[in-house]
């Protein structure tokens, strides 16, 4: 039977819409990043001044590197915790699994601002966590190291983006045939051996997707550092936002956004290449 080719209009729509709404804005940003501002107006000349200015700014480069490290650490924590939560859910009964997955996905649909302020209310000096520790007598005064600094950003990143790590890992575990576990038990394998030598390797596709999701969302987030980072929690996303919102230096902001995009693509490509060498298929 001859293979039916899609009509021309369908190919144009499928290729044209991503090009119009994704590639075209990116190209505008890339083009704008090579221009500069003079007296509040964008000049028509092109050059590498914005990228050279970024490289020459030691403080900004330090903020950039620190942002990358924090986002990598938060992504690693999300993947580790997400794998354990997904494993716990996958070992429950079918009805309880459904309930736990629904319970886990509910915060995804909640307002982002509400989630950040809820986490801030938990970690603050008069938050739920400090009040509980004071009531139990575990501390003599409120802990201030959990808010308005990088510790707060890291914790909130893990709290907010954990569901995005749990769900793909859980779905990957759901695809593992149940008879493999029975075969492992019949061959004398302990539950620990089953988890390490069977569940972990077969859930690698979900781990790949979870790590990519976590880094993509944390590295581009500027609202969380703004609300819980304070003065001591300045991150790269806030710098990009400042160039567009306050400084009105759109070419420099576009250059920083291109650097952010290139870093994200590089990290995601490195994760994909790492797991490709391990022969993990998605």
C-alpha atoms as a PDB file:
ATOM      1  CA  UNK A   1       0.000   0.000   0.000  1.00  0.00           C
ATOM      2  CA  UNK A   2       1.406   3.358  -1.072  1.00  0.00           C
ATOM      3  CA  UNK A   3       2.264   5.788   1.700  1.00  0.00           C
ATOM      4  CA  UNK A   4      -0.049   8.804   1.746  1.00  0.00           C
ATOM      5  CA  UNK A   5       1.698  12.143   1.883  1.00  0.00           C
ATOM      6  CA  UNK A   6       0.108  14.961   3.896  1.00  0.00           C
ATOM      7  CA  UNK A   7      -1.397  17.811   1.857  1.00  0.00           C
ATOM      8  CA  UNK A   8       0.766  20.831   1.110  1.00  0.00           C
ATOM      9  CA  UNK A   9      -1.275  23.172   3.300  1.00  0.00           C
ATOM     10  CA  UNK A  10      -0.799  20.886   6.329  1.00  0.00           C
ATOM     11  CA  UNK A  11       2.984  20.879   5.837  1.00  0.00           C
ATOM     12  CA  UNK A  12       2.997  24.674   5.517  1.00  0.00           C
ATOM     13  CA  UNK A  13       0.964  25.080   8.719  1.00  0.00           C
ATOM     14  CA  UNK A  14       3.056  22.564  10.711  1.00  0.00           C
ATOM     15  CA  UNK A  15       6.326  24.163   9.646  1.00  0.00           C
ATOM     16  CA  UNK A  16       5.171  27.762   9.371  1.00  0.00           C
ATOM     17  CA  UNK A  17       3.587  28.198  12.804  1.00  0.00           C
ATOM     18  CA  UNK A  18       6.701  27.168  14.793  1.00  0.00           C
ATOM     19  CA  UNK A  19       8.800  29.327  12.501  1.00  0.00           C
ATOM     20  CA  UNK A  20       6.481  32.302  12.948  1.00  0.00           C
ATOM     21  CA  UNK A  21       5.970  32.136  16.696  1.00  0.00           C
ATOM     22  CA  UNK A  22       9.273  30.578  17.853  1.00  0.00           C
ATOM     23  CA  UNK A  23      12.100  31.029  15.377  1.00  0.00           C
ATOM     24  CA  UNK A  24      11.158  34.523  14.181  1.00  0.00           C
ATOM     25  CA  UNK A  25      11.134  36.094  17.692  1.00  0.00           C
ATOM     26  CA  UNK A  26      14.429  34.349  18.465  1.00  0.00           C
ATOM     27  CA  UNK A  27      16.001  35.753  15.323  1.00  0.00           C
ATOM     28  CA  UNK A  28      14.754  39.233  16.260  1.00  0.00           C
ATOM     29  CA  UNK A  29      16.401  38.857  19.674  1.00  0.00           C
ATOM     30  CA  UNK A  30      19.651  37.616  18.172  1.00  0.00           C
ATOM     31  CA  UNK A  31      19.707  40.497  15.681  1.00  0.00           C
ATOM     32  CA  UNK A  32      18.883  43.045  18.380  1.00  0.00           C
ATOM     33  CA  UNK A  33      21.697  41.741  20.585  1.00  0.00           C
ATOM     34  CA  UNK A  34      24.299  42.995  18.077  1.00  0.00           C
ATOM     35  CA  UNK A  35      22.990  46.569  18.201  1.00  0.00           C
ATOM     36  CA  UNK A  36      23.481  49.231  20.863  1.00  0.00           C
ATOM     37  CA  UNK A  37      21.668  52.134  22.502  1.00  0.00           C
ATOM     38  CA  UNK A  38      22.728  55.764  22.283  1.00  0.00           C
ATOM     39  CA  UNK A  39      20.733  58.622  23.844  1.00  0.00           C
ATOM     40  CA  UNK A  40      17.834  56.262  24.453  1.00  0.00           C
ATOM     41  CA  UNK A  41      17.614  55.117  20.821  1.00  0.00           C
ATOM     42  CA  UNK A  42      18.751  51.886  19.191  1.00  0.00           C
ATOM     43  CA  UNK A  43      21.523  52.496  16.669  1.00  0.00           C
ATOM     44  CA  UNK A  44      21.521  50.888  13.237  1.00  0.00           C
ATOM     45  CA  UNK A  45      25.131  49.734  13.509  1.00  0.00           C
ATOM     46  CA  UNK A  46      26.011  46.168  14.396  1.00  0.00           C
ATOM     47  CA  UNK A  47      28.806  44.927  16.636  1.00  0.00           C
ATOM     48  CA  UNK A  48      29.805  42.732  19.568  1.00  0.00           C
ATOM     49  CA  UNK A  49      29.790  45.535  22.170  1.00  0.00           C
ATOM     50  CA  UNK A  50      27.079  43.926  24.311  1.00  0.00           C
ATOM     51  CA  UNK A  51      28.817  40.560  24.507  1.00  0.00           C
ATOM     52  CA  UNK A  52      32.173  42.196  25.188  1.00  0.00           C
ATOM     53  CA  UNK A  53      30.576  44.306  27.928  1.00  0.00           C
ATOM     54  CA  UNK A  54      29.220  41.154  29.557  1.00  0.00           C
ATOM     55  CA  UNK A  55      32.606  39.427  29.411  1.00  0.00           C
ATOM     56  CA  UNK A  56      34.325  42.491  30.874  1.00  0.00           C
ATOM     57  CA  UNK A  57      31.893  42.788  33.796  1.00  0.00           C
ATOM     58  CA  UNK A  58      33.400  40.527  36.458  1.00  0.00           C
ATOM     59  CA  UNK A  59      30.453  40.917  38.828  1.00  0.00           C
ATOM     60  CA  UNK A  60      27.955  39.950  36.151  1.00  0.00           C
ATOM     61  CA  UNK A  61      29.995  36.942  35.078  1.00  0.00           C
ATOM     62  CA  UNK A  62      30.129  35.885  38.733  1.00  0.00           C
ATOM     63  CA  UNK A  63      26.330  36.185  38.992  1.00  0.00           C
ATOM     64  CA  UNK A  64      25.983  34.151  35.797  1.00  0.00           C
ATOM     65  CA  UNK A  65      28.239  31.326  37.009  1.00  0.00           C
ATOM     66  CA  UNK A  66      26.592  31.282  40.420  1.00  0.00           C
ATOM     67  CA  UNK A  67      23.170  31.072  38.753  1.00  0.00           C
ATOM     68  CA  UNK A  68      24.284  28.101  36.666  1.00  0.00           C
ATOM     69  CA  UNK A  69      25.605  26.290  39.743  1.00  0.00           C
ATOM     70  CA  UNK A  70      22.457  26.930  41.808  1.00  0.00           C
ATOM     71  CA  UNK A  71      20.191  25.764  38.986  1.00  0.00           C
ATOM     72  CA  UNK A  72      22.287  22.636  38.431  1.00  0.00           C
ATOM     73  CA  UNK A  73      22.171  21.877  42.167  1.00  0.00           C
ATOM     74  CA  UNK A  74      18.409  22.451  42.306  1.00  0.00           C
ATOM     75  CA  UNK A  75      17.923  20.245  39.236  1.00  0.00           C
ATOM     76  CA  UNK A  76      19.998  17.463  40.807  1.00  0.00           C
ATOM     77  CA  UNK A  77      17.999  17.716  44.045  1.00  0.00           C
ATOM     78  CA  UNK A  78      14.733  17.659  42.093  1.00  0.00           C
ATOM     79  CA  UNK A  79      15.767  14.551  40.180  1.00  0.00           C
ATOM     80  CA  UNK A  80      16.931  12.696  43.314  1.00  0.00           C
ATOM     81  CA  UNK A  81      13.853  13.577  45.352  1.00  0.00           C
ATOM     82  CA  UNK A  82      11.590  13.101  42.347  1.00  0.00           C
ATOM     83  CA  UNK A  83      12.942   9.594  41.757  1.00  0.00           C
ATOM     84  CA  UNK A  84      12.327   8.602  45.373  1.00  0.00           C
ATOM     85  CA  UNK A  85       8.784  10.037  45.341  1.00  0.00           C
ATOM     86  CA  UNK A  86       8.040   8.361  42.004  1.00  0.00           C
ATOM     87  CA  UNK A  87       9.331   5.048  43.361  1.00  0.00           C
ATOM     88  CA  UNK A  88       7.113   5.397  46.442  1.00  0.00           C
ATOM     89  CA  UNK A  89       4.040   6.123  44.301  1.00  0.00           C
ATOM     90  CA  UNK A  90       4.748   3.292  41.854  1.00  0.00           C
ATOM     91  CA  UNK A  91       4.785   0.739  44.707  1.00  0.00           C
ATOM     92  CA  UNK A  92       1.286   1.634  45.934  1.00  0.00           C
ATOM     93  CA  UNK A  93      -2.038   0.130  44.824  1.00  0.00           C
ATOM     94  CA  UNK A  94      -3.649   1.362  41.595  1.00  0.00           C
ATOM     95  CA  UNK A  95      -6.304   3.452  43.369  1.00  0.00           C
ATOM     96  CA  UNK A  96      -3.805   5.030  45.745  1.00  0.00           C
ATOM     97  CA  UNK A  97      -1.400   5.721  42.858  1.00  0.00           C
ATOM     98  CA  UNK A  98      -4.097   7.646  41.037  1.00  0.00           C
ATOM     99  CA  UNK A  99      -4.891   9.674  44.154  1.00  0.00           C
ATOM    100  CA  UNK A 100      -1.228  10.488  44.830  1.00  0.00           C
ATOM    101  CA  UNK A 101      -0.566  11.535  41.223  1.00  0.00           C
ATOM    102  CA  UNK A 102      -3.614  13.814  41.261  1.00  0.00           C
ATOM    103  CA  UNK A 103      -2.484  15.244  44.598  1.00  0.00           C
ATOM    104  CA  UNK A 104       0.952  15.869  43.125  1.00  0.00           C
ATOM    105  CA  UNK A 105      -0.309  17.582  39.978  1.00  0.00           C
ATOM    106  CA  UNK A 106      -2.729  19.932  41.765  1.00  0.00           C
ATOM    107  CA  UNK A 107       0.009  22.463  42.720  1.00  0.00           C
ATOM    108  CA  UNK A 108       1.043  22.643  39.058  1.00  0.00           C
ATOM    109  CA  UNK A 109      -2.262  24.341  38.238  1.00  0.00           C
ATOM    110  CA  UNK A 110      -2.055  26.762  41.159  1.00  0.00           C
ATOM    111  CA  UNK A 111      -0.885  30.329  40.676  1.00  0.00           C
ATOM    112  CA  UNK A 112       2.894  30.594  40.557  1.00  0.00           C
ATOM    113  CA  UNK A 113       2.914  33.728  42.710  1.00  0.00           C
ATOM    114  CA  UNK A 114       0.760  32.048  45.338  1.00  0.00           C
ATOM    115  CA  UNK A 115       3.164  29.094  45.510  1.00  0.00           C
ATOM    116  CA  UNK A 116       6.186  31.374  45.924  1.00  0.00           C
ATOM    117  CA  UNK A 117       4.507  33.408  48.665  1.00  0.00           C
ATOM    118  CA  UNK A 118       3.360  30.202  50.377  1.00  0.00           C
ATOM    119  CA  UNK A 119       6.946  28.931  50.427  1.00  0.00           C
ATOM    120  CA  UNK A 120       8.109  32.317  51.669  1.00  0.00           C
ATOM    121  CA  UNK A 121       5.531  32.138  54.464  1.00  0.00           C
ATOM    122  CA  UNK A 122       6.872  28.740  55.495  1.00  0.00           C
ATOM    123  CA  UNK A 123      10.552  29.740  55.471  1.00  0.00           C
ATOM    124  CA  UNK A 124      10.261  33.286  56.861  1.00  0.00           C
ATOM    125  CA  UNK A 125      11.410  34.454  60.272  1.00  0.00           C
ATOM    126  CA  UNK A 126       7.820  34.204  61.533  1.00  0.00           C
ATOM    127  CA  UNK A 127       6.893  31.386  59.194  1.00  0.00           C
ATOM    128  CA  UNK A 128       5.433  27.985  59.945  1.00  0.00           C
ATOM    129  CA  UNK A 129       8.827  26.249  60.047  1.00  0.00           C
ATOM    130  CA  UNK A 130      10.396  28.674  62.534  1.00  0.00           C
ATOM    131  CA  UNK A 131       7.298  28.712  64.718  1.00  0.00           C
ATOM    132  CA  UNK A 132       7.337  24.910  64.871  1.00  0.00           C
ATOM    133  CA  UNK A 133      11.054  24.770  65.692  1.00  0.00           C
ATOM    134  CA  UNK A 134      10.647  27.405  68.419  1.00  0.00           C
ATOM    135  CA  UNK A 135       7.625  25.613  69.867  1.00  0.00           C
ATOM    136  CA  UNK A 136       9.531  22.314  69.988  1.00  0.00           C
ATOM    137  CA  UNK A 137      12.506  24.018  71.615  1.00  0.00           C
ATOM    138  CA  UNK A 138      14.908  22.968  68.848  1.00  0.00           C
ATOM    139  CA  UNK A 139      16.075  26.569  68.292  1.00  0.00           C
ATOM    140  CA  UNK A 140      16.219  29.538  70.640  1.00  0.00           C
ATOM    141  CA  UNK A 141      15.595  32.186  67.960  1.00  0.00           C
ATOM    142  CA  UNK A 142      14.155  32.195  64.422  1.00  0.00           C
ATOM    143  CA  UNK A 143      16.412  30.916  61.654  1.00  0.00           C
ATOM    144  CA  UNK A 144      17.094  33.733  59.181  1.00  0.00           C
ATOM    145  CA  UNK A 145      19.272  31.693  56.802  1.00  0.00           C
ATOM    146  CA  UNK A 146      16.249  30.292  54.956  1.00  0.00           C
ATOM    147  CA  UNK A 147      14.864  33.470  53.393  1.00  0.00           C
ATOM    148  CA  UNK A 148      16.171  36.392  51.319  1.00  0.00           C
ATOM    149  CA  UNK A 149      19.341  34.622  50.225  1.00  0.00           C
ATOM    150  CA  UNK A 150      20.511  31.866  47.895  1.00  0.00           C
ATOM    151  CA  UNK A 151      19.425  29.175  50.344  1.00  0.00           C
ATOM    152  CA  UNK A 152      15.836  30.369  49.980  1.00  0.00           C
ATOM    153  CA  UNK A 153      16.088  30.387  46.176  1.00  0.00           C
ATOM    154  CA  UNK A 154      17.421  26.832  46.147  1.00  0.00           C
ATOM    155  CA  UNK A 155      14.722  25.537  48.526  1.00  0.00           C
ATOM    156  CA  UNK A 156      11.876  27.258  46.671  1.00  0.00           C
ATOM    157  CA  UNK A 157      13.186  25.990  43.330  1.00  0.00           C
ATOM    158  CA  UNK A 158      13.018  22.443  44.697  1.00  0.00           C
ATOM    159  CA  UNK A 159       9.559  22.931  46.215  1.00  0.00           C
ATOM    160  CA  UNK A 160       7.963  24.497  43.137  1.00  0.00           C
ATOM    161  CA  UNK A 161       9.516  22.392  40.392  1.00  0.00           C
ATOM    162  CA  UNK A 162       9.528  18.996  42.141  1.00  0.00           C
ATOM    163  CA  UNK A 163       6.253  17.859  40.478  1.00  0.00           C
ATOM    164  CA  UNK A 164       7.813  18.458  37.044  1.00  0.00           C
ATOM    165  CA  UNK A 165      10.524  15.966  37.994  1.00  0.00           C
ATOM    166  CA  UNK A 166       8.279  13.396  39.658  1.00  0.00           C
ATOM    167  CA  UNK A 167       5.750  13.048  36.838  1.00  0.00           C
ATOM    168  CA  UNK A 168       8.093  12.034  33.959  1.00  0.00           C
ATOM    169  CA  UNK A 169      10.038   9.676  36.230  1.00  0.00           C
ATOM    170  CA  UNK A 170       6.819   8.090  37.483  1.00  0.00           C
ATOM    171  CA  UNK A 171       5.510   7.655  33.931  1.00  0.00           C
ATOM    172  CA  UNK A 172       8.792   6.017  33.010  1.00  0.00           C
ATOM    173  CA  UNK A 173       8.462   3.616  35.953  1.00  0.00           C
ATOM    174  CA  UNK A 174       4.881   2.827  34.945  1.00  0.00           C
ATOM    175  CA  UNK A 175       6.183   1.486  31.628  1.00  0.00           C
ATOM    176  CA  UNK A 176       8.323  -1.145  33.371  1.00  0.00           C
ATOM    177  CA  UNK A 177       6.595  -4.555  32.999  1.00  0.00           C
ATOM    178  CA  UNK A 178       5.548  -5.973  36.338  1.00  0.00           C
ATOM    179  CA  UNK A 179       6.711  -9.471  35.429  1.00  0.00           C
ATOM    180  CA  UNK A 180      10.333  -8.254  35.453  1.00  0.00           C
ATOM    181  CA  UNK A 181      10.119  -7.721  39.194  1.00  0.00           C
ATOM    182  CA  UNK A 182       8.601 -11.164  39.650  1.00  0.00           C
ATOM    183  CA  UNK A 183      11.362 -12.688  37.552  1.00  0.00           C
ATOM    184  CA  UNK A 184      13.963 -10.899  39.646  1.00  0.00           C
ATOM    185  CA  UNK A 185      12.410 -12.279  42.844  1.00  0.00           C
ATOM    186  CA  UNK A 186      12.247 -15.799  41.384  1.00  0.00           C
ATOM    187  CA  UNK A 187      15.975 -15.599  40.599  1.00  0.00           C
ATOM    188  CA  UNK A 188      16.759 -14.703  44.208  1.00  0.00           C
ATOM    189  CA  UNK A 189      17.052 -10.934  43.795  1.00  0.00           C
ATOM    190  CA  UNK A 190      16.208  -8.833  46.839  1.00  0.00           C
ATOM    191  CA  UNK A 191      13.945  -5.758  46.621  1.00  0.00           C
ATOM    192  CA  UNK A 192      17.085  -3.594  46.921  1.00  0.00           C
ATOM    193  CA  UNK A 193      18.683  -5.325  43.914  1.00  0.00           C
ATOM    194  CA  UNK A 194      15.452  -4.927  41.966  1.00  0.00           C
ATOM    195  CA  UNK A 195      15.380  -1.179  42.616  1.00  0.00           C
ATOM    196  CA  UNK A 196      19.063  -0.584  41.809  1.00  0.00           C
ATOM    197  CA  UNK A 197      19.594  -3.001  38.901  1.00  0.00           C
ATOM    198  CA  UNK A 198      16.134  -2.975  37.354  1.00  0.00           C
ATOM    199  CA  UNK A 199      14.028   0.063  38.230  1.00  0.00           C
ATOM    200  CA  UNK A 200      16.834   2.629  38.133  1.00  0.00           C
ATOM    201  CA  UNK A 201      18.190   1.743  34.654  1.00  0.00           C
ATOM    202  CA  UNK A 202      14.723   1.397  33.129  1.00  0.00           C
ATOM    203  CA  UNK A 203      13.579   4.739  34.572  1.00  0.00           C
ATOM    204  CA  UNK A 204      16.500   6.617  32.972  1.00  0.00           C
ATOM    205  CA  UNK A 205      14.338   8.132  30.195  1.00  0.00           C
ATOM    206  CA  UNK A 206      12.208   9.833  32.839  1.00  0.00           C
ATOM    207  CA  UNK A 207      15.329  10.986  34.677  1.00  0.00           C
ATOM    208  CA  UNK A 208      16.635  12.589  31.461  1.00  0.00           C
ATOM    209  CA  UNK A 209      13.385  14.480  30.885  1.00  0.00           C
ATOM    210  CA  UNK A 210      13.135  15.474  34.560  1.00  0.00           C
ATOM    211  CA  UNK A 211      16.678  16.892  34.587  1.00  0.00           C
ATOM    212  CA  UNK A 212      16.017  18.871  31.412  1.00  0.00           C
ATOM    213  CA  UNK A 213      12.710  20.239  32.691  1.00  0.00           C
ATOM    214  CA  UNK A 214      14.224  21.229  36.022  1.00  0.00           C
ATOM    215  CA  UNK A 215      17.152  23.135  34.550  1.00  0.00           C
ATOM    216  CA  UNK A 216      15.095  24.818  31.829  1.00  0.00           C
ATOM    217  CA  UNK A 217      12.574  26.193  34.296  1.00  0.00           C
ATOM    218  CA  UNK A 218      14.955  27.160  37.096  1.00  0.00           C
ATOM    219  CA  UNK A 219      17.539  28.882  34.891  1.00  0.00           C
ATOM    220  CA  UNK A 220      14.965  31.108  33.221  1.00  0.00           C
ATOM    221  CA  UNK A 221      13.086  31.925  36.439  1.00  0.00           C
ATOM    222  CA  UNK A 222      13.444  35.524  37.622  1.00  0.00           C
ATOM    223  CA  UNK A 223      10.315  35.808  39.783  1.00  0.00           C
ATOM    224  CA  UNK A 224      11.509  33.458  42.525  1.00  0.00           C
ATOM    225  CA  UNK A 225      14.843  35.291  43.049  1.00  0.00           C
ATOM    226  CA  UNK A 226      12.919  38.563  43.050  1.00  0.00           C
ATOM    227  CA  UNK A 227      10.496  37.451  45.785  1.00  0.00           C
ATOM    228  CA  UNK A 228      12.609  35.227  48.040  1.00  0.00           C
ATOM    229  CA  UNK A 229      16.197  36.111  47.113  1.00  0.00           C
ATOM    230  CA  UNK A 230      16.262  39.651  48.403  1.00  0.00           C
ATOM    231  CA  UNK A 231      19.356  41.795  47.981  1.00  0.00           C
ATOM    232  CA  UNK A 232      21.674  38.860  48.694  1.00  0.00           C
ATOM    233  CA  UNK A 233      19.983  36.572  46.152  1.00  0.00           C
ATOM    234  CA  UNK A 234      20.680  38.302  42.859  1.00  0.00           C
ATOM    235  CA  UNK A 235      20.538  35.929  39.875  1.00  0.00           C
ATOM    236  CA  UNK A 236      21.029  36.168  36.125  1.00  0.00           C
ATOM    237  CA  UNK A 237      17.335  36.167  35.248  1.00  0.00           C
ATOM    238  CA  UNK A 238      16.826  39.322  37.305  1.00  0.00           C
ATOM    239  CA  UNK A 239      19.654  41.024  35.402  1.00  0.00           C
ATOM    240  CA  UNK A 240      17.944  40.262  32.091  1.00  0.00           C
ATOM    241  CA  UNK A 241      14.617  41.497  33.452  1.00  0.00           C
ATOM    242  CA  UNK A 242      16.244  44.711  34.690  1.00  0.00           C
ATOM    243  CA  UNK A 243      17.676  45.529  31.265  1.00  0.00           C
ATOM    244  CA  UNK A 244      14.252  45.314  29.653  1.00  0.00           C
ATOM    245  CA  UNK A 245      12.135  46.743  32.470  1.00  0.00           C
ATOM    246  CA  UNK A 246      14.221  49.387  34.246  1.00  0.00           C
ATOM    247  CA  UNK A 247      17.322  50.223  32.239  1.00  0.00           C
ATOM    248  CA  UNK A 248      15.457  50.068  28.905  1.00  0.00           C
ATOM    249  CA  UNK A 249      18.634  48.811  27.268  1.00  0.00           C
ATOM    250  CA  UNK A 250      16.967  46.276  25.015  1.00  0.00           C
ATOM    251  CA  UNK A 251      20.047  45.369  22.923  1.00  0.00           C
ATOM    252  CA  UNK A 252      22.072  44.538  26.053  1.00  0.00           C
ATOM    253  CA  UNK A 253      19.101  42.668  27.517  1.00  0.00           C
ATOM    254  CA  UNK A 254      18.751  40.745  24.251  1.00  0.00           C
ATOM    255  CA  UNK A 255      22.438  39.803  24.389  1.00  0.00           C
ATOM    256  CA  UNK A 256      22.033  38.526  27.955  1.00  0.00           C
ATOM    257  CA  UNK A 257      18.905  36.625  26.899  1.00  0.00           C
ATOM    258  CA  UNK A 258      20.841  35.017  24.030  1.00  0.00           C
ATOM    259  CA  UNK A 259      23.557  33.994  26.505  1.00  0.00           C
ATOM    260  CA  UNK A 260      20.861  32.511  28.751  1.00  0.00           C
ATOM    261  CA  UNK A 261      19.332  30.639  25.807  1.00  0.00           C
ATOM    262  CA  UNK A 262      22.725  29.382  24.601  1.00  0.00           C
ATOM    263  CA  UNK A 263      23.594  28.155  28.108  1.00  0.00           C
ATOM    264  CA  UNK A 264      20.287  26.327  28.382  1.00  0.00           C
ATOM    265  CA  UNK A 265      20.788  24.688  24.986  1.00  0.00           C
ATOM    266  CA  UNK A 266      24.349  23.728  25.939  1.00  0.00           C
ATOM    267  CA  UNK A 267      23.327  22.139  29.255  1.00  0.00           C
ATOM    268  CA  UNK A 268      20.355  20.310  27.727  1.00  0.00           C
ATOM    269  CA  UNK A 269      22.577  19.098  24.882  1.00  0.00           C
ATOM    270  CA  UNK A 270      25.202  17.928  27.385  1.00  0.00           C
ATOM    271  CA  UNK A 271      22.557  16.018  29.372  1.00  0.00           C
ATOM    272  CA  UNK A 272      21.219  14.429  26.190  1.00  0.00           C
ATOM    273  CA  UNK A 273      24.713  13.506  25.013  1.00  0.00           C
ATOM    274  CA  UNK A 274      25.607  12.041  28.395  1.00  0.00           C
ATOM    275  CA  UNK A 275      22.599   9.765  28.461  1.00  0.00           C
ATOM    276  CA  UNK A 276      22.954   8.969  24.737  1.00  0.00           C
ATOM    277  CA  UNK A 277      26.378   7.507  25.477  1.00  0.00           C
ATOM    278  CA  UNK A 278      24.679   5.373  28.111  1.00  0.00           C
ATOM    279  CA  UNK A 279      22.257   4.253  25.343  1.00  0.00           C
ATOM    280  CA  UNK A 280      19.169   5.670  27.013  1.00  0.00           C
ATOM    281  CA  UNK A 281      16.288   5.941  24.533  1.00  0.00           C
ATOM    282  CA  UNK A 282      13.393   8.308  25.201  1.00  0.00           C
END
